[in-house]
Amino acid sequence: MLTEVAGHFAELALFLQGSVKLLLFPSLQEYLRAFVEILASDLPHNSDHGLRKKVIMTLCHLLRSFTQPLTPHIMSVVTPVWRILTQQTSMFVS
């Protein structure tokens, strides 16, 4: 579902060339913030690995489709992803 929403954003951007900044980008930034909150949260219902994987896949799709407008927000995405990866190393390193 999450990746489908990102795909719809990308499709809309193709058809709404002139209106993208007015209509789509404010919503896109809100989605980005919500996804980052899911990644940064330590609450049990947000710590599901499947959910986090889907969120990361969706963020990758959004960043590929909208590189320039999302570039200023890239560190807000990288920080929680890096934290997740470094926390999980104990599972794989013995």
PDB file of N, CA and C in Angstrom:
ATOM      1  N   MET A   1       0.813  -1.190   0.000  1.00  0.00           N
ATOM      2  CA  MET A   1       0.000   0.000   0.000  1.00  0.00           C
ATOM      3  C   MET A   1       0.864   1.264   0.000  1.00  0.00           C
ATOM      4  N   LEU A   2       1.898   1.259   0.839  1.00  0.00           N
ATOM      5  CA  LEU A   2       2.745   2.445   0.924  1.00  0.00           C
ATOM      6  C   LEU A   2       3.473   2.718  -0.385  1.00  0.00           C
ATOM      7  N   THR A   3       4.009   1.664  -1.008  1.00  0.00           N
ATOM      8  CA  THR A   3       4.724   1.860  -2.264  1.00  0.00           C
ATOM      9  C   THR A   3       3.771   2.258  -3.380  1.00  0.00           C
ATOM     10  N   GLU A   4       2.513   1.823  -3.286  1.00  0.00           N
ATOM     11  CA  GLU A   4       1.521   2.235  -4.281  1.00  0.00           C
ATOM     12  C   GLU A   4       1.245   3.724  -4.191  1.00  0.00           C
ATOM     13  N   VAL A   5       1.176   4.245  -2.978  1.00  0.00           N
ATOM     14  CA  VAL A   5       0.969   5.689  -2.796  1.00  0.00           C
ATOM     15  C   VAL A   5       2.144   6.462  -3.397  1.00  0.00           C
ATOM     16  N   ALA A   6       3.358   5.972  -3.156  1.00  0.00           N
ATOM     17  CA  ALA A   6       4.540   6.632  -3.727  1.00  0.00           C
ATOM     18  C   ALA A   6       4.494   6.572  -5.246  1.00  0.00           C
ATOM     19  N   GLY A   7       4.060   5.452  -5.797  1.00  0.00           N
ATOM     20  CA  GLY A   7       3.926   5.333  -7.249  1.00  0.00           C
ATOM     21  C   GLY A   7       2.901   6.292  -7.802  1.00  0.00           C
ATOM     22  N   HIS A   8       1.794   6.478  -7.085  1.00  0.00           N
ATOM     23  CA  HIS A   8       0.770   7.425  -7.531  1.00  0.00           C
ATOM     24  C   HIS A   8       1.290   8.861  -7.489  1.00  0.00           C
ATOM     25  N   PHE A   9       2.085   9.175  -6.493  1.00  0.00           N
ATOM     26  CA  PHE A   9       2.717  10.498  -6.460  1.00  0.00           C
ATOM     27  C   PHE A   9       3.572  10.711  -7.707  1.00  0.00           C
ATOM     28  N   ALA A  10       4.360   9.703  -8.068  1.00  0.00           N
ATOM     29  CA  ALA A  10       5.236   9.821  -9.238  1.00  0.00           C
ATOM     30  C   ALA A  10       4.419   9.966 -10.514  1.00  0.00           C
ATOM     31  N   GLU A  11       3.319   9.204 -10.641  1.00  0.00           N
ATOM     32  CA  GLU A  11       2.463   9.311 -11.823  1.00  0.00           C
ATOM     33  C   GLU A  11       1.808  10.681 -11.905  1.00  0.00           C
ATOM     34  N   LEU A  12       1.330  11.182 -10.779  1.00  0.00           N
ATOM     35  CA  LEU A  12       0.717  12.516 -10.770  1.00  0.00           C
ATOM     36  C   LEU A  12       1.713  13.584 -11.186  1.00  0.00           C
ATOM     37  N   ALA A  13       2.949  13.423 -10.784  1.00  0.00           N
ATOM     38  CA  ALA A  13       3.969  14.407 -11.135  1.00  0.00           C
ATOM     39  C   ALA A  13       4.176  14.473 -12.641  1.00  0.00           C
ATOM     40  N   LEU A  14       4.020  13.339 -13.323  1.00  0.00           N
ATOM     41  CA  LEU A  14       4.174  13.323 -14.782  1.00  0.00           C
ATOM     42  C   LEU A  14       3.050  14.093 -15.463  1.00  0.00           C
ATOM     43  N   PHE A  15       1.842  13.980 -14.935  1.00  0.00           N
ATOM     44  CA  PHE A  15       0.689  14.596 -15.584  1.00  0.00           C
ATOM     45  C   PHE A  15       0.428  16.027 -15.132  1.00  0.00           C
ATOM     46  N   LEU A  16       0.896  16.390 -13.961  1.00  0.00           N
ATOM     47  CA  LEU A  16       0.646  17.718 -13.412  1.00  0.00           C
ATOM     48  C   LEU A  16       1.914  18.559 -13.402  1.00  0.00           C
ATOM     49  N   GLN A  17       2.597  18.584 -14.507  1.00  0.00           N
ATOM     50  CA  GLN A  17       3.902  19.239 -14.578  1.00  0.00           C
ATOM     51  C   GLN A  17       3.930  20.611 -13.917  1.00  0.00           C
ATOM     52  N   GLY A  18       3.043  21.520 -14.288  1.00  0.00           N
ATOM     53  CA  GLY A  18       3.077  22.877 -13.760  1.00  0.00           C
ATOM     54  C   GLY A  18       2.507  23.012 -12.358  1.00  0.00           C
ATOM     55  N   SER A  19       1.592  22.127 -12.005  1.00  0.00           N
ATOM     56  CA  SER A  19       0.896  22.239 -10.727  1.00  0.00           C
ATOM     57  C   SER A  19       1.514  21.401  -9.624  1.00  0.00           C
ATOM     58  N   VAL A  20       2.571  20.662  -9.935  1.00  0.00           N
ATOM     59  CA  VAL A  20       3.151  19.746  -8.956  1.00  0.00           C
ATOM     60  C   VAL A  20       3.593  20.471  -7.703  1.00  0.00           C
ATOM     61  N   LYS A  21       4.272  21.576  -7.848  1.00  0.00           N
ATOM     62  CA  LYS A  21       4.770  22.292  -6.676  1.00  0.00           C
ATOM     63  C   LYS A  21       3.633  22.770  -5.782  1.00  0.00           C
ATOM     64  N   LEU A  22       2.542  23.187  -6.371  1.00  0.00           N
ATOM     65  CA  LEU A  22       1.428  23.707  -5.579  1.00  0.00           C
ATOM     66  C   LEU A  22       0.595  22.603  -4.939  1.00  0.00           C
ATOM     67  N   LEU A  23       0.349  21.535  -5.676  1.00  0.00           N
ATOM     68  CA  LEU A  23      -0.571  20.504  -5.211  1.00  0.00           C
ATOM     69  C   LEU A  23       0.097  19.322  -4.522  1.00  0.00           C
ATOM     70  N   LEU A  24       1.198  18.887  -5.051  1.00  0.00           N
ATOM     71  CA  LEU A  24       1.762  17.619  -4.627  1.00  0.00           C
ATOM     72  C   LEU A  24       2.854  17.746  -3.573  1.00  0.00           C
ATOM     73  N   PHE A  25       3.731  18.711  -3.708  1.00  0.00           N
ATOM     74  CA  PHE A  25       4.889  18.784  -2.817  1.00  0.00           C
ATOM     75  C   PHE A  25       4.534  19.006  -1.352  1.00  0.00           C
ATOM     76  N   PRO A  26       3.534  19.833  -1.008  1.00  0.00           N
ATOM     77  CA  PRO A  26       3.187  19.932   0.424  1.00  0.00           C
ATOM     78  C   PRO A  26       2.747  18.586   1.009  1.00  0.00           C
ATOM     79  N   SER A  27       1.972  17.804   0.276  1.00  0.00           N
ATOM     80  CA  SER A  27       1.545  16.483   0.741  1.00  0.00           C
ATOM     81  C   SER A  27       2.723  15.527   0.798  1.00  0.00           C
ATOM     82  N   LEU A  28       3.604  15.631  -0.152  1.00  0.00           N
ATOM     83  CA  LEU A  28       4.772  14.758  -0.211  1.00  0.00           C
ATOM     84  C   LEU A  28       5.642  14.935   1.031  1.00  0.00           C
ATOM     85  N   GLN A  29       5.835  16.159   1.450  1.00  0.00           N
ATOM     86  CA  GLN A  29       6.644  16.419   2.637  1.00  0.00           C
ATOM     87  C   GLN A  29       5.961  15.903   3.901  1.00  0.00           C
ATOM     88  N   GLU A  30       4.629  15.956   3.953  1.00  0.00           N
ATOM     89  CA  GLU A  30       3.900  15.404   5.094  1.00  0.00           C
ATOM     90  C   GLU A  30       4.049  13.887   5.154  1.00  0.00           C
ATOM     91  N   TYR A  31       3.960  13.219   4.000  1.00  0.00           N
ATOM     92  CA  TYR A  31       4.185  11.773   3.951  1.00  0.00           C
ATOM     93  C   TYR A  31       5.597  11.439   4.409  1.00  0.00           C
ATOM     94  N   LEU A  32       6.551  12.197   3.950  1.00  0.00           N
ATOM     95  CA  LEU A  32       7.942  11.965   4.337  1.00  0.00           C
ATOM     96  C   LEU A  32       8.100  12.074   5.853  1.00  0.00           C
ATOM     97  N   ARG A  33       7.503  13.093   6.448  1.00  0.00           N
ATOM     98  CA  ARG A  33       7.586  13.267   7.908  1.00  0.00           C
ATOM     99  C   ARG A  33       6.935  12.091   8.642  1.00  0.00           C
ATOM    100  N   ALA A  34       5.790  11.633   8.145  1.00  0.00           N
ATOM    101  CA  ALA A  34       5.099  10.506   8.782  1.00  0.00           C
ATOM    102  C   ALA A  34       5.942   9.238   8.695  1.00  0.00           C
ATOM    103  N   PHE A  35       6.579   9.004   7.549  1.00  0.00           N
ATOM    104  CA  PHE A  35       7.418   7.822   7.391  1.00  0.00           C
ATOM    105  C   PHE A  35       8.631   7.888   8.311  1.00  0.00           C
ATOM    106  N   VAL A  36       9.219   9.060   8.434  1.00  0.00           N
ATOM    107  CA  VAL A  36      10.376   9.224   9.316  1.00  0.00           C
ATOM    108  C   VAL A  36       9.960   8.998  10.768  1.00  0.00           C
ATOM    109  N   GLU A  37       8.774   9.445  11.139  1.00  0.00           N
ATOM    110  CA  GLU A  37       8.286   9.208  12.506  1.00  0.00           C
ATOM    111  C   GLU A  37       8.146   7.714  12.781  1.00  0.00           C
ATOM    112  N   ILE A  38       7.671   6.954  11.812  1.00  0.00           N
ATOM    113  CA  ILE A  38       7.549   5.498  11.977  1.00  0.00           C
ATOM    114  C   ILE A  38       8.926   4.888  12.187  1.00  0.00           C
ATOM    115  N   LEU A  39       9.901   5.311  11.399  1.00  0.00           N
ATOM    116  CA  LEU A  39      11.251   4.767  11.528  1.00  0.00           C
ATOM    117  C   LEU A  39      11.906   5.166  12.843  1.00  0.00           C
ATOM    118  N   ALA A  40      11.642   6.366  13.307  1.00  0.00           N
ATOM    119  CA  ALA A  40      12.298   6.871  14.513  1.00  0.00           C
ATOM    120  C   ALA A  40      11.626   6.397  15.796  1.00  0.00           C
ATOM    121  N   SER A  41      10.415   5.895  15.693  1.00  0.00           N
ATOM    122  CA  SER A  41       9.658   5.506  16.872  1.00  0.00           C
ATOM    123  C   SER A  41      10.163   4.202  17.476  1.00  0.00           C
ATOM    124  N   ASP A  42      10.146   4.137  18.795  1.00  0.00           N
ATOM    125  CA  ASP A  42      10.495   2.912  19.503  1.00  0.00           C
ATOM    126  C   ASP A  42       9.263   2.217  20.072  1.00  0.00           C
ATOM    127  N   LEU A  43       8.097   2.683  19.707  1.00  0.00           N
ATOM    128  CA  LEU A  43       6.868   2.068  20.196  1.00  0.00           C
ATOM    129  C   LEU A  43       6.716   0.668  19.607  1.00  0.00           C
ATOM    130  N   PRO A  44       6.169  -0.271  20.366  1.00  0.00           N
ATOM    131  CA  PRO A  44       6.075  -1.662  19.895  1.00  0.00           C
ATOM    132  C   PRO A  44       5.300  -1.830  18.583  1.00  0.00           C
ATOM    133  N   HIS A  45       4.221  -1.071  18.393  1.00  0.00           N
ATOM    134  CA  HIS A  45       3.432  -1.242  17.169  1.00  0.00           C
ATOM    135  C   HIS A  45       4.133  -0.651  15.937  1.00  0.00           C
ATOM    136  N   ASN A  46       5.140   0.182  16.126  1.00  0.00           N
ATOM    137  CA  ASN A  46       5.901   0.743  15.006  1.00  0.00           C
ATOM    138  C   ASN A  46       7.229   0.028  14.790  1.00  0.00           C
ATOM    139  N   SER A  47       7.573  -0.930  15.645  1.00  0.00           N
ATOM    140  CA  SER A  47       8.870  -1.575  15.536  1.00  0.00           C
ATOM    141  C   SER A  47       8.822  -2.857  14.711  1.00  0.00           C
ATOM    142  N   ASP A  48       7.715  -3.117  14.052  1.00  0.00           N
ATOM    143  CA  ASP A  48       7.588  -4.285  13.190  1.00  0.00           C
ATOM    144  C   ASP A  48       8.583  -4.168  12.029  1.00  0.00           C
ATOM    145  N   HIS A  49       9.397  -5.190  11.843  1.00  0.00           N
ATOM    146  CA  HIS A  49      10.430  -5.141  10.808  1.00  0.00           C
ATOM    147  C   HIS A  49       9.827  -5.076   9.403  1.00  0.00           C
ATOM    148  N   GLY A  50       8.696  -5.732   9.199  1.00  0.00           N
ATOM    149  CA  GLY A  50       8.034  -5.681   7.896  1.00  0.00           C
ATOM    150  C   GLY A  50       7.556  -4.278   7.561  1.00  0.00           C
ATOM    151  N   LEU A  51       6.995  -3.599   8.559  1.00  0.00           N
ATOM    152  CA  LEU A  51       6.534  -2.223   8.351  1.00  0.00           C
ATOM    153  C   LEU A  51       7.707  -1.304   8.053  1.00  0.00           C
ATOM    154  N   ARG A  52       8.770  -1.447   8.827  1.00  0.00           N
ATOM    155  CA  ARG A  52       9.945  -0.602   8.591  1.00  0.00           C
ATOM    156  C   ARG A  52      10.544  -0.858   7.215  1.00  0.00           C
ATOM    157  N   LYS A  53      10.568  -2.101   6.784  1.00  0.00           N
ATOM    158  CA  LYS A  53      11.094  -2.433   5.450  1.00  0.00           C
ATOM    159  C   LYS A  53      10.257  -1.756   4.374  1.00  0.00           C
ATOM    160  N   LYS A  54       8.927  -1.818   4.500  1.00  0.00           N
ATOM    161  CA  LYS A  54       8.042  -1.174   3.518  1.00  0.00           C
ATOM    162  C   LYS A  54       8.229   0.340   3.518  1.00  0.00           C
ATOM    163  N   VAL A  55       8.403   0.919   4.699  1.00  0.00           N
ATOM    164  CA  VAL A  55       8.603   2.367   4.793  1.00  0.00           C
ATOM    165  C   VAL A  55       9.907   2.751   4.107  1.00  0.00           C
ATOM    166  N   ILE A  56      10.964   1.985   4.340  1.00  0.00           N
ATOM    167  CA  ILE A  56      12.251   2.286   3.703  1.00  0.00           C
ATOM    168  C   ILE A  56      12.144   2.130   2.191  1.00  0.00           C
ATOM    169  N   MET A  57      11.444   1.080   1.717  1.00  0.00           N
ATOM    170  CA  MET A  57      11.260   0.903   0.271  1.00  0.00           C
ATOM    171  C   MET A  57      10.478   2.081  -0.321  1.00  0.00           C
ATOM    172  N   THR A  58       9.458   2.531   0.386  1.00  0.00           N
ATOM    173  CA  THR A  58       8.657   3.660  -0.086  1.00  0.00           C
ATOM    174  C   THR A  58       9.477   4.940  -0.114  1.00  0.00           C
ATOM    175  N   LEU A  59      10.268   5.164   0.923  1.00  0.00           N
ATOM    176  CA  LEU A  59      11.126   6.344   0.949  1.00  0.00           C
ATOM    177  C   LEU A  59      12.127   6.317  -0.200  1.00  0.00           C
ATOM    178  N   CYS A  60      12.680   5.150  -0.501  1.00  0.00           N
ATOM    179  CA  CYS A  60      13.608   5.033  -1.644  1.00  0.00           C
ATOM    180  C   CYS A  60      12.898   5.399  -2.937  1.00  0.00           C
ATOM    181  N   HIS A  61      11.666   4.923  -3.097  1.00  0.00           N
ATOM    182  CA  HIS A  61      10.888   5.225  -4.307  1.00  0.00           C
ATOM    183  C   HIS A  61      10.614   6.731  -4.409  1.00  0.00           C
ATOM    184  N   LEU A  62      10.216   7.330  -3.303  1.00  0.00           N
ATOM    185  CA  LEU A  62       9.947   8.771  -3.306  1.00  0.00           C
ATOM    186  C   LEU A  62      11.206   9.572  -3.594  1.00  0.00           C
ATOM    187  N   LEU A  63      12.322   9.165  -2.999  1.00  0.00           N
ATOM    188  CA  LEU A  63      13.572   9.897  -3.225  1.00  0.00           C
ATOM    189  C   LEU A  63      14.067   9.751  -4.657  1.00  0.00           C
ATOM    190  N   ARG A  64      13.814   8.608  -5.277  1.00  0.00           N
ATOM    191  CA  ARG A  64      14.179   8.449  -6.695  1.00  0.00           C
ATOM    192  C   ARG A  64      13.296   9.307  -7.583  1.00  0.00           C
ATOM    193  N   SER A  65      12.015   9.369  -7.267  1.00  0.00           N
ATOM    194  CA  SER A  65      11.065  10.114  -8.102  1.00  0.00           C
ATOM    195  C   SER A  65      11.151  11.618  -7.903  1.00  0.00           C
ATOM    196  N   PHE A  66      11.462  12.043  -6.688  1.00  0.00           N
ATOM    197  CA  PHE A  66      11.456  13.469  -6.359  1.00  0.00           C
ATOM    198  C   PHE A  66      12.757  13.862  -5.681  1.00  0.00           C
ATOM    199  N   THR A  67      13.848  13.625  -6.341  1.00  0.00           N
ATOM    200  CA  THR A  67      15.168  13.856  -5.758  1.00  0.00           C
ATOM    201  C   THR A  67      15.362  15.305  -5.342  1.00  0.00           C
ATOM    202  N   GLN A  68      15.119  16.208  -6.247  1.00  0.00           N
ATOM    203  CA  GLN A  68      15.412  17.614  -5.965  1.00  0.00           C
ATOM    204  C   GLN A  68      14.566  18.200  -4.826  1.00  0.00           C
ATOM    205  N   PRO A  69      13.245  18.025  -4.833  1.00  0.00           N
ATOM    206  CA  PRO A  69      12.487  18.638  -3.731  1.00  0.00           C
ATOM    207  C   PRO A  69      12.713  17.967  -2.373  1.00  0.00           C
ATOM    208  N   LEU A  70      13.136  16.708  -2.362  1.00  0.00           N
ATOM    209  CA  LEU A  70      13.334  16.009  -1.095  1.00  0.00           C
ATOM    210  C   LEU A  70      14.774  16.025  -0.604  1.00  0.00           C
ATOM    211  N   THR A  71      15.696  16.544  -1.406  1.00  0.00           N
ATOM    212  CA  THR A  71      17.101  16.603  -1.003  1.00  0.00           C
ATOM    213  C   THR A  71      17.308  17.336   0.324  1.00  0.00           C
ATOM    214  N   PRO A  72      16.623  18.449   0.597  1.00  0.00           N
ATOM    215  CA  PRO A  72      16.838  19.112   1.881  1.00  0.00           C
ATOM    216  C   PRO A  72      16.429  18.251   3.089  1.00  0.00           C
ATOM    217  N   HIS A  73      15.599  17.237   2.862  1.00  0.00           N
ATOM    218  CA  HIS A  73      15.095  16.409   3.955  1.00  0.00           C
ATOM    219  C   HIS A  73      15.825  15.080   4.073  1.00  0.00           C
ATOM    220  N   ILE A  74      16.866  14.866   3.289  1.00  0.00           N
ATOM    221  CA  ILE A  74      17.520  13.556   3.225  1.00  0.00           C
ATOM    222  C   ILE A  74      18.119  13.146   4.569  1.00  0.00           C
ATOM    223  N   MET A  75      18.676  14.072   5.322  1.00  0.00           N
ATOM    224  CA  MET A  75      19.276  13.709   6.606  1.00  0.00           C
ATOM    225  C   MET A  75      18.228  13.277   7.620  1.00  0.00           C
ATOM    226  N   SER A  76      17.013  13.785   7.500  1.00  0.00           N
ATOM    227  CA  SER A  76      15.955  13.338   8.411  1.00  0.00           C
ATOM    228  C   SER A  76      15.575  11.886   8.134  1.00  0.00           C
ATOM    229  N   VAL A  77      15.858  11.403   6.935  1.00  0.00           N
ATOM    230  CA  VAL A  77      15.602  10.008   6.580  1.00  0.00           C
ATOM    231  C   VAL A  77      16.804   9.139   6.953  1.00  0.00           C
ATOM    232  N   VAL A  78      17.991   9.623   6.667  1.00  0.00           N
ATOM    233  CA  VAL A  78      19.205   8.823   6.880  1.00  0.00           C
ATOM    234  C   VAL A  78      19.434   8.535   8.365  1.00  0.00           C
ATOM    235  N   THR A  79      19.163   9.493   9.218  1.00  0.00           N
ATOM    236  CA  THR A  79      19.438   9.327  10.648  1.00  0.00           C
ATOM    237  C   THR A  79      18.682   8.151  11.269  1.00  0.00           C
ATOM    238  N   PRO A  80      17.335   8.041  11.119  1.00  0.00           N
ATOM    239  CA  PRO A  80      16.660   6.886  11.713  1.00  0.00           C
ATOM    240  C   PRO A  80      17.010   5.564  11.023  1.00  0.00           C
ATOM    241  N   VAL A  81      17.266   5.599   9.716  1.00  0.00           N
ATOM    242  CA  VAL A  81      17.648   4.372   9.018  1.00  0.00           C
ATOM    243  C   VAL A  81      18.997   3.884   9.546  1.00  0.00           C
ATOM    244  N   TRP A  82      19.941   4.787   9.729  1.00  0.00           N
ATOM    245  CA  TRP A  82      21.256   4.414  10.263  1.00  0.00           C
ATOM    246  C   TRP A  82      21.121   3.850  11.677  1.00  0.00           C
ATOM    247  N   ARG A  83      20.261   4.463  12.485  1.00  0.00           N
ATOM    248  CA  ARG A  83      20.040   3.982  13.850  1.00  0.00           C
ATOM    249  C   ARG A  83      19.484   2.560  13.843  1.00  0.00           C
ATOM    250  N   ILE A  84      18.533   2.300  12.965  1.00  0.00           N
ATOM    251  CA  ILE A  84      17.954   0.955  12.855  1.00  0.00           C
ATOM    252  C   ILE A  84      19.027  -0.050  12.459  1.00  0.00           C
ATOM    253  N   LEU A  85      19.836   0.313  11.480  1.00  0.00           N
ATOM    254  CA  LEU A  85      20.882  -0.609  11.019  1.00  0.00           C
ATOM    255  C   LEU A  85      21.910  -0.885  12.103  1.00  0.00           C
ATOM    256  N   THR A  86      22.327   0.128  12.822  1.00  0.00           N
ATOM    257  CA  THR A  86      23.330  -0.090  13.857  1.00  0.00           C
ATOM    258  C   THR A  86      22.758  -0.848  15.057  1.00  0.00           C
ATOM    259  N   GLN A  87      21.473  -0.682  15.343  1.00  0.00           N
ATOM    260  CA  GLN A  87      20.854  -1.434  16.436  1.00  0.00           C
ATOM    261  C   GLN A  87      20.725  -2.919  16.088  1.00  0.00           C
ATOM    262  N   GLN A  88      20.554  -3.216  14.804  1.00  0.00           N
ATOM    263  CA  GLN A  88      20.340  -4.602  14.378  1.00  0.00           C
ATOM    264  C   GLN A  88      21.636  -5.383  14.207  1.00  0.00           C
ATOM    265  N   THR A  89      22.773  -4.729  14.294  1.00  0.00           N
ATOM    266  CA  THR A  89      24.036  -5.439  14.079  1.00  0.00           C
ATOM    267  C   THR A  89      24.264  -6.517  15.120  1.00  0.00           C
ATOM    268  N   SER A  90      23.750  -6.339  16.326  1.00  0.00           N
ATOM    269  CA  SER A  90      23.948  -7.346  17.363  1.00  0.00           C
ATOM    270  C   SER A  90      23.294  -8.680  16.993  1.00  0.00           C
ATOM    271  N   MET A  91      22.272  -8.630  16.153  1.00  0.00           N
ATOM    272  CA  MET A  91      21.619  -9.870  15.705  1.00  0.00           C
ATOM    273  C   MET A  91      22.502 -10.650  14.744  1.00  0.00           C
ATOM    274  N   PHE A  92      23.331  -9.962  13.985  1.00  0.00           N
ATOM    275  CA  PHE A  92      24.093 -10.607  12.917  1.00  0.00           C
ATOM    276  C   PHE A  92      25.564 -10.811  13.258  1.00  0.00           C
ATOM    277  N   VAL A  93      26.086 -10.062  14.198  1.00  0.00           N
ATOM    278  CA  VAL A  93      27.488 -10.182  14.571  1.00  0.00           C
ATOM    279  C   VAL A  93      27.559 -10.940  15.888  1.00  0.00           C
ATOM    280  N   SER A  94      28.313 -12.011  15.877  1.00  0.00           N
ATOM    281  CA  SER A  94      28.399 -12.780  17.130  1.00  0.00           C
ATOM    282  C   SER A  94      29.784 -12.744  17.714  1.00  0.00           C
TER     283      SER A  94
END
